[in-house]
Amino acid sequence: QVQLIESGGGLVQAGGSLRLSCAASGRTFGNYAMGWFRQAPGKEREFVASISWNDGATAYADSVKGRFTISRGAAKSTVYLQMNSLKPEDTAVYYCAAAQVYSARVVITRSSEYNYWGQGTQVTVSS
């Protein structure tokens, strides 16, 4: 079993920045693509960003392109989401997810393909 723990959420003014972290633990954590999703009140969970296991390939939702950056730590068991130029519409609970993959280059954008999820961290952007 893999556990994912997010941190770094909070309240920030529009135009500000936050950095989310997701630490994976549990069984040997290897060959996992990872991603960030978010869910605002009354809305469906949506894809934000994802990163491959080993070659640094990334994908972003159009709404965050150029403002958010996903990256992995050197040990690959931690993933970060640097969020700049935040807008009130970025307000949501942000979830980290992990999916076991068999290719170092796979980037996953669909929530149904992820095996493990964190509990989420609240991000609130005030106007």
Foldseek 3Di string as FASTA:
>chain_A
DKAKAKDWADEEAAQAKIKMKIAIDDPPDAQKKKFKWWDDPPGDIAGAKIAFQADGDMDGDPVQPPFWDWDADPVSRMIMIIGGRDDQVVWTWMKMFIAHDDDRHDIDGDPVRTDDIYPTDTHGYHD
